[in-house]
Protein backbone atom coordinates (compact mmCIF):
# COMPACT_ATOMS: atom_id res chain seq x y z
CA MET A 1 91.02 126.66 104.33
CA LYS A 2 90.84 126.19 100.22
CA TRP A 3 94.63 124.90 98.19
CA TRP A 4 95.09 125.20 95.08
CA GLU A 5 95.74 121.95 93.23
CA ARG A 6 99.10 123.07 92.19
CA GLU A 7 99.70 123.55 96.08
CA LEU A 8 98.44 120.89 97.05
CA GLY A 9 100.98 118.92 94.84
CA VAL A 10 103.97 120.85 95.98
CA ILE A 11 103.02 119.89 100.15
CA GLU A 12 102.73 116.46 98.52
CA GLN A 13 106.32 116.35 96.63
CA ILE A 14 107.93 118.19 100.00
CA ALA A 15 105.89 115.10 102.62
CA LYS A 16 108.11 112.78 99.91
CA GLY A 17 111.49 114.44 100.79
CA LEU A 18 111.56 116.09 97.17
CA SER A 19 114.20 119.01 96.50
CA ASN A 20 112.82 122.29 95.05
CA LYS A 21 114.63 121.27 91.47
CA ALA A 22 113.00 118.05 91.87
CA ILE A 23 109.82 119.25 92.87
CA ALA A 24 110.10 121.76 89.80
CA LYS A 25 111.10 118.57 87.07
CA LYS A 26 108.12 116.44 88.82
CA LEU A 27 105.59 118.81 88.12
CA PHE A 28 106.41 120.72 85.17
CA ILE A 29 107.05 124.58 86.89
CA SER A 30 110.46 126.10 87.65
CA GLU A 31 112.11 126.47 90.71
CA GLY A 32 111.42 129.89 91.47
CA THR A 33 107.50 128.86 90.93
CA VAL A 34 108.00 126.03 93.55
CA ALA A 35 109.57 128.48 95.87
CA ASN A 36 106.76 130.51 95.50
CA TYR A 37 104.12 128.30 96.36
CA ILE A 38 106.25 127.38 99.77
CA THR A 39 106.57 131.39 100.84
CA SER A 40 102.45 130.44 100.04
CA ILE A 41 101.10 128.00 102.02
CA LEU A 42 104.20 128.54 104.78
CA SER A 43 102.04 131.93 104.88
CA LYS A 44 98.23 130.15 104.96
CA THR A 45 99.26 128.01 107.23
CA GLY A 46 101.51 129.82 109.94
CA LEU A 47 104.91 127.39 109.12
CA GLU A 48 108.12 128.26 109.17
CA HIS A 49 110.29 125.81 107.85
CA ARG A 50 109.95 123.06 104.35
CA THR A 51 110.03 119.69 106.71
CA GLN A 52 106.28 120.93 108.99
CA ILE A 53 104.80 121.27 105.91
CA ALA A 54 105.89 117.63 105.56
CA ILE A 55 104.34 117.03 109.18
CA TYR A 56 101.18 118.54 108.53
CA TYR A 57 101.03 117.00 104.98
CA LEU A 58 101.52 113.74 106.79
CA THR A 59 99.12 114.49 109.97
CA GLY A 60 96.08 114.40 107.03
CA GLU A 61 95.79 118.26 108.04
CA THR A 62 95.32 118.65 104.37
CA ARG A 63 92.32 116.25 103.62
CA MET A 64 90.34 118.56 106.06
CA SER A 65 90.53 121.03 104.04
CA GLY A 66 92.27 120.45 100.43
CA GLU A 67 88.89 119.47 98.62
C-alpha cells in the first residue's frame, strides 16, 4: 500500500492520541482536511475506527508500505 506523506503524518498523530483539531493545528491543515485523510486511511486499510489506526501504526504496519 502506498501512503502519501500527509497520511503518514496524520496516522502518527492519531497514534499519539491527538484530536482532529490538534492534528490540524500541528500539521497546519484544516480539521476538514484531517477528516478527509482519516476517511482515506480507513478506506485503504479496511479499518473502522481511529483507535484501530493507532494500533495499525504502533504494530509497524505502515513501515512496510509507506516508503
